[in-house]
Amino acid sequence: MTVRVMLPAHLRVLARVQGEVKVEVDGAVTQRTVLNALEAAYPMLSGTIRDHTTQQRRAFMRLFACESDLSHESPDTLLPLEVAEGKEPLLVIGAIAGG
């Protein structure tokens, strides 16, 4: 399945892409399989969204789709059907902190 992924500006620069990217996912469409496909297609993104060793989402990276925050879902939870079918993108958002 072709999954659309929208990256934050700094990761688009790093990956040398503009706009959203499309990745091919075999089997179940989950955060893990999409991020695996994304990192395979764009190796320079490895370690930017997830930790190299633990594969845990980095604290300041959030994942959204279909107007829902999926950041705290299990990485193996199926993504919404709209994302799996390519109708909606998976949004990777860099959180902003400060005070």
N, C-alpha and C. Protein backbone atom coordinates (compact mmCIF):
# COMPACT_ATOMS: atom_id res chain seq x y z
N MET A 1 0.84 -1.17 0.00
CA MET A 1 0.00 0.00 0.00
C MET A 1 0.89 1.23 0.00
N THR A 2 0.44 2.25 -0.66
CA THR A 2 1.16 3.52 -0.68
C THR A 2 0.60 4.42 0.41
N VAL A 3 1.49 4.85 1.29
CA VAL A 3 1.10 5.70 2.41
C VAL A 3 1.75 7.06 2.22
N ARG A 4 0.95 8.09 2.42
CA ARG A 4 1.46 9.47 2.31
C ARG A 4 1.94 9.92 3.69
N VAL A 5 3.10 10.56 3.71
CA VAL A 5 3.67 11.04 4.97
C VAL A 5 4.06 12.51 4.79
N MET A 6 3.63 13.33 5.71
CA MET A 6 4.00 14.75 5.70
C MET A 6 5.02 14.98 6.80
N LEU A 7 6.19 15.43 6.42
CA LEU A 7 7.29 15.65 7.36
C LEU A 7 7.38 17.13 7.72
N PRO A 8 7.92 17.43 8.91
CA PRO A 8 8.17 18.83 9.24
C PRO A 8 9.29 19.38 8.34
N ALA A 9 9.34 20.70 8.25
CA ALA A 9 10.27 21.36 7.31
C ALA A 9 11.71 20.90 7.48
N HIS A 10 12.17 20.80 8.73
CA HIS A 10 13.59 20.47 8.91
C HIS A 10 13.91 19.05 8.45
N LEU A 11 12.94 18.14 8.54
CA LEU A 11 13.18 16.77 8.05
C LEU A 11 13.05 16.70 6.53
N ARG A 12 12.20 17.55 5.95
CA ARG A 12 12.12 17.60 4.48
C ARG A 12 13.45 18.09 3.91
N VAL A 13 14.07 19.06 4.57
CA VAL A 13 15.38 19.56 4.12
C VAL A 13 16.41 18.44 4.23
N LEU A 14 16.40 17.74 5.35
CA LEU A 14 17.36 16.65 5.56
C LEU A 14 17.18 15.54 4.52
N ALA A 15 15.93 15.22 4.21
CA ALA A 15 15.64 14.16 3.24
C ALA A 15 15.71 14.65 1.79
N ARG A 16 15.85 15.96 1.65
CA ARG A 16 15.90 16.59 0.32
C ARG A 16 14.64 16.29 -0.49
N VAL A 17 13.51 16.51 0.14
CA VAL A 17 12.22 16.34 -0.53
C VAL A 17 11.41 17.62 -0.31
N GLN A 18 10.41 17.77 -1.14
CA GLN A 18 9.49 18.88 -0.96
C GLN A 18 8.08 18.30 -0.88
N GLY A 19 7.27 18.89 -0.07
CA GLY A 19 5.91 18.40 0.07
C GLY A 19 5.88 17.06 0.80
N GLU A 20 4.82 16.33 0.57
CA GLU A 20 4.71 15.04 1.25
C GLU A 20 5.48 13.96 0.49
N VAL A 21 5.82 12.89 1.20
CA VAL A 21 6.48 11.76 0.58
C VAL A 21 5.51 10.58 0.56
N LYS A 22 5.75 9.67 -0.32
CA LYS A 22 4.94 8.46 -0.40
C LYS A 22 5.86 7.27 -0.21
N VAL A 23 5.43 6.35 0.64
CA VAL A 23 6.22 5.16 0.90
C VAL A 23 5.34 3.93 0.69
N GLU A 24 5.96 2.87 0.27
CA GLU A 24 5.26 1.60 0.08
C GLU A 24 5.38 0.76 1.34
N VAL A 25 4.26 0.29 1.83
CA VAL A 25 4.23 -0.53 3.03
C VAL A 25 3.62 -1.88 2.67
N ASP A 26 4.35 -2.93 3.01
CA ASP A 26 3.83 -4.28 2.80
C ASP A 26 3.15 -4.74 4.08
N GLY A 27 1.99 -5.33 3.94
CA GLY A 27 1.29 -5.86 5.12
C GLY A 27 0.55 -4.80 5.89
N ALA A 28 0.46 -4.99 7.20
CA ALA A 28 -0.29 -4.09 8.06
C ALA A 28 0.32 -2.69 8.05
N VAL A 29 -0.54 -1.70 8.01
CA VAL A 29 -0.08 -0.30 8.01
C VAL A 29 -0.15 0.22 9.44
N THR A 30 1.00 0.27 10.08
CA THR A 30 1.12 0.74 11.46
C THR A 30 2.17 1.84 11.50
N GLN A 31 2.28 2.50 12.65
CA GLN A 31 3.34 3.50 12.78
C GLN A 31 4.70 2.85 12.50
N ARG A 32 4.90 1.67 13.06
CA ARG A 32 6.19 1.00 12.90
C ARG A 32 6.49 0.69 11.43
N THR A 33 5.52 0.12 10.71
CA THR A 33 5.79 -0.26 9.33
C THR A 33 5.96 0.97 8.43
N VAL A 34 5.21 2.02 8.73
CA VAL A 34 5.37 3.25 7.93
C VAL A 34 6.74 3.88 8.21
N LEU A 35 7.12 3.96 9.48
CA LEU A 35 8.42 4.56 9.80
C LEU A 35 9.57 3.69 9.29
N ASN A 36 9.39 2.37 9.33
CA ASN A 36 10.41 1.48 8.75
C ASN A 36 10.57 1.76 7.26
N ALA A 37 9.45 1.88 6.55
CA ALA A 37 9.49 2.16 5.10
C ALA A 37 10.08 3.54 4.84
N LEU A 38 9.72 4.50 5.68
CA LEU A 38 10.24 5.86 5.52
C LEU A 38 11.76 5.88 5.70
N GLU A 39 12.25 5.21 6.74
CA GLU A 39 13.69 5.19 7.00
C GLU A 39 14.44 4.37 5.94
N ALA A 40 13.78 3.37 5.37
CA ALA A 40 14.43 2.61 4.30
C ALA A 40 14.56 3.46 3.03
N ALA A 41 13.53 4.24 2.75
CA ALA A 41 13.56 5.09 1.56
C ALA A 41 14.45 6.32 1.76
N TYR A 42 14.50 6.80 2.99
CA TYR A 42 15.27 8.01 3.31
C TYR A 42 16.14 7.72 4.54
N PRO A 43 17.26 7.00 4.34
CA PRO A 43 18.09 6.58 5.48
C PRO A 43 18.59 7.75 6.34
N MET A 44 18.67 8.93 5.74
CA MET A 44 19.13 10.08 6.53
C MET A 44 18.14 10.46 7.63
N LEU A 45 16.92 9.93 7.57
CA LEU A 45 15.93 10.21 8.61
C LEU A 45 16.01 9.25 9.79
N SER A 46 16.81 8.19 9.66
CA SER A 46 16.96 7.25 10.77
C SER A 46 17.49 7.97 12.00
N GLY A 47 16.82 7.76 13.10
CA GLY A 47 17.22 8.38 14.35
C GLY A 47 16.63 9.76 14.57
N THR A 48 15.93 10.29 13.59
CA THR A 48 15.35 11.63 13.77
C THR A 48 13.94 11.57 14.36
N ILE A 49 13.17 10.59 13.96
CA ILE A 49 11.80 10.46 14.47
C ILE A 49 11.77 9.46 15.62
N ARG A 50 12.58 8.40 15.50
CA ARG A 50 12.68 7.38 16.54
C ARG A 50 14.14 7.25 16.95
N ASP A 51 14.31 6.82 18.19
CA ASP A 51 15.65 6.55 18.69
C ASP A 51 16.24 5.36 17.92
N HIS A 52 17.55 5.45 17.58
CA HIS A 52 18.20 4.36 16.84
C HIS A 52 18.09 3.03 17.57
N THR A 53 18.34 3.05 18.87
CA THR A 53 18.44 1.80 19.63
C THR A 53 17.09 1.27 20.08
N THR A 54 16.31 2.12 20.71
CA THR A 54 15.04 1.65 21.29
C THR A 54 13.89 1.64 20.31
N GLN A 55 14.02 2.36 19.21
CA GLN A 55 12.95 2.52 18.22
C GLN A 55 11.72 3.23 18.80
N GLN A 56 11.91 3.88 19.96
CA GLN A 56 10.83 4.66 20.57
C GLN A 56 10.75 6.03 19.89
N ARG A 57 9.54 6.52 19.75
CA ARG A 57 9.35 7.85 19.18
C ARG A 57 10.07 8.87 20.06
N ARG A 58 10.77 9.80 19.43
CA ARG A 58 11.45 10.84 20.20
C ARG A 58 10.40 11.73 20.85
N ALA A 59 10.73 12.23 22.03
CA ALA A 59 9.76 12.96 22.86
C ALA A 59 9.15 14.16 22.14
N PHE A 60 9.90 14.84 21.33
CA PHE A 60 9.39 16.04 20.69
C PHE A 60 8.90 15.79 19.27
N MET A 61 8.68 14.55 18.93
CA MET A 61 8.09 14.23 17.63
C MET A 61 6.70 13.66 17.89
N ARG A 62 5.72 14.15 17.19
CA ARG A 62 4.34 13.69 17.37
C ARG A 62 3.82 13.18 16.04
N LEU A 63 2.87 12.26 16.12
CA LEU A 63 2.26 11.67 14.93
C LEU A 63 0.76 11.91 14.97
N PHE A 64 0.23 12.45 13.88
CA PHE A 64 -1.19 12.73 13.78
C PHE A 64 -1.73 12.15 12.48
N ALA A 65 -3.02 11.82 12.49
CA ALA A 65 -3.72 11.42 11.26
C ALA A 65 -5.20 11.57 11.51
N CYS A 66 -5.91 11.99 10.50
CA CYS A 66 -7.36 12.10 10.57
C CYS A 66 -7.80 12.90 11.80
N GLU A 67 -7.10 14.00 12.05
CA GLU A 67 -7.41 14.90 13.16
C GLU A 67 -7.26 14.26 14.53
N SER A 68 -6.47 13.19 14.62
CA SER A 68 -6.24 12.52 15.90
C SER A 68 -4.75 12.44 16.20
N ASP A 69 -4.42 12.63 17.48
CA ASP A 69 -3.05 12.48 17.93
C ASP A 69 -2.79 11.00 18.18
N LEU A 70 -1.91 10.42 17.38
CA LEU A 70 -1.61 8.99 17.48
C LEU A 70 -0.29 8.75 18.23
N SER A 71 0.26 9.80 18.78
CA SER A 71 1.60 9.73 19.37
C SER A 71 1.71 8.71 20.49
N HIS A 72 0.66 8.53 21.23
CA HIS A 72 0.74 7.63 22.37
C HIS A 72 0.14 6.25 22.09
N GLU A 73 -0.23 6.02 20.85
CA GLU A 73 -0.70 4.69 20.45
C GLU A 73 0.50 3.74 20.36
N SER A 74 0.24 2.47 20.49
CA SER A 74 1.30 1.49 20.28
C SER A 74 1.82 1.60 18.85
N PRO A 75 3.13 1.45 18.65
CA PRO A 75 3.66 1.50 17.28
C PRO A 75 3.10 0.40 16.38
N ASP A 76 2.49 -0.60 16.98
CA ASP A 76 1.94 -1.70 16.18
C ASP A 76 0.43 -1.63 16.00
N THR A 77 -0.19 -0.54 16.47
CA THR A 77 -1.62 -0.34 16.25
C THR A 77 -1.85 0.04 14.79
N LEU A 78 -2.87 -0.52 14.20
CA LEU A 78 -3.18 -0.19 12.81
C LEU A 78 -3.52 1.29 12.71
N LEU A 79 -3.00 1.93 11.66
CA LEU A 79 -3.34 3.33 11.41
C LEU A 79 -4.74 3.39 10.80
N PRO A 80 -5.38 4.55 10.88
CA PRO A 80 -6.73 4.67 10.30
C PRO A 80 -6.75 4.22 8.84
N LEU A 81 -7.86 3.67 8.43
CA LEU A 81 -8.02 3.15 7.07
C LEU A 81 -7.73 4.22 6.02
N GLU A 82 -8.11 5.47 6.31
CA GLU A 82 -7.87 6.57 5.37
C GLU A 82 -6.38 6.75 5.10
N VAL A 83 -5.55 6.51 6.12
CA VAL A 83 -4.09 6.61 5.95
C VAL A 83 -3.59 5.40 5.16
N ALA A 84 -4.08 4.23 5.51
CA ALA A 84 -3.65 3.01 4.83
C ALA A 84 -4.01 3.04 3.35
N GLU A 85 -5.13 3.69 3.04
CA GLU A 85 -5.56 3.76 1.64
C GLU A 85 -4.98 4.97 0.91
N GLY A 86 -4.20 5.77 1.60
CA GLY A 86 -3.57 6.93 0.97
C GLY A 86 -4.49 8.12 0.80
N LYS A 87 -5.65 8.09 1.42
CA LYS A 87 -6.57 9.23 1.31
C LYS A 87 -6.16 10.37 2.24
N GLU A 88 -5.54 10.03 3.35
CA GLU A 88 -5.08 11.02 4.32
C GLU A 88 -3.61 10.74 4.63
N PRO A 89 -2.81 11.79 4.86
CA PRO A 89 -1.40 11.56 5.19
C PRO A 89 -1.21 11.29 6.68
N LEU A 90 -0.11 10.63 7.00
CA LEU A 90 0.37 10.55 8.37
C LEU A 90 1.23 11.79 8.57
N LEU A 91 0.88 12.59 9.57
CA LEU A 91 1.60 13.84 9.80
C LEU A 91 2.63 13.63 10.90
N VAL A 92 3.88 13.95 10.60
CA VAL A 92 4.94 13.92 11.60
C VAL A 92 5.19 15.38 11.97
N ILE A 93 4.97 15.68 13.22
CA ILE A 93 5.04 17.07 13.67
C ILE A 93 6.12 17.20 14.74
N GLY A 94 6.97 18.18 14.60
CA GLY A 94 7.95 18.49 15.61
C GLY A 94 7.29 19.35 16.67
N ALA A 95 7.21 18.87 17.90
CA ALA A 95 6.57 19.62 18.97
C ALA A 95 7.39 20.86 19.31
N ILE A 96 6.72 21.86 19.79
CA ILE A 96 7.37 23.10 20.18
C ILE A 96 7.24 23.24 21.69
N ALA A 97 8.36 23.47 22.33
CA ALA A 97 8.34 23.63 23.78
C ALA A 97 8.96 24.98 24.14
N GLY A 98 8.61 25.45 25.25
CA GLY A 98 9.18 26.70 25.69
C GLY A 98 8.30 27.33 26.75
N GLY A 99 8.72 28.38 27.30
CA GLY A 99 7.92 28.98 28.33
C GLY A 99 8.10 30.46 28.39
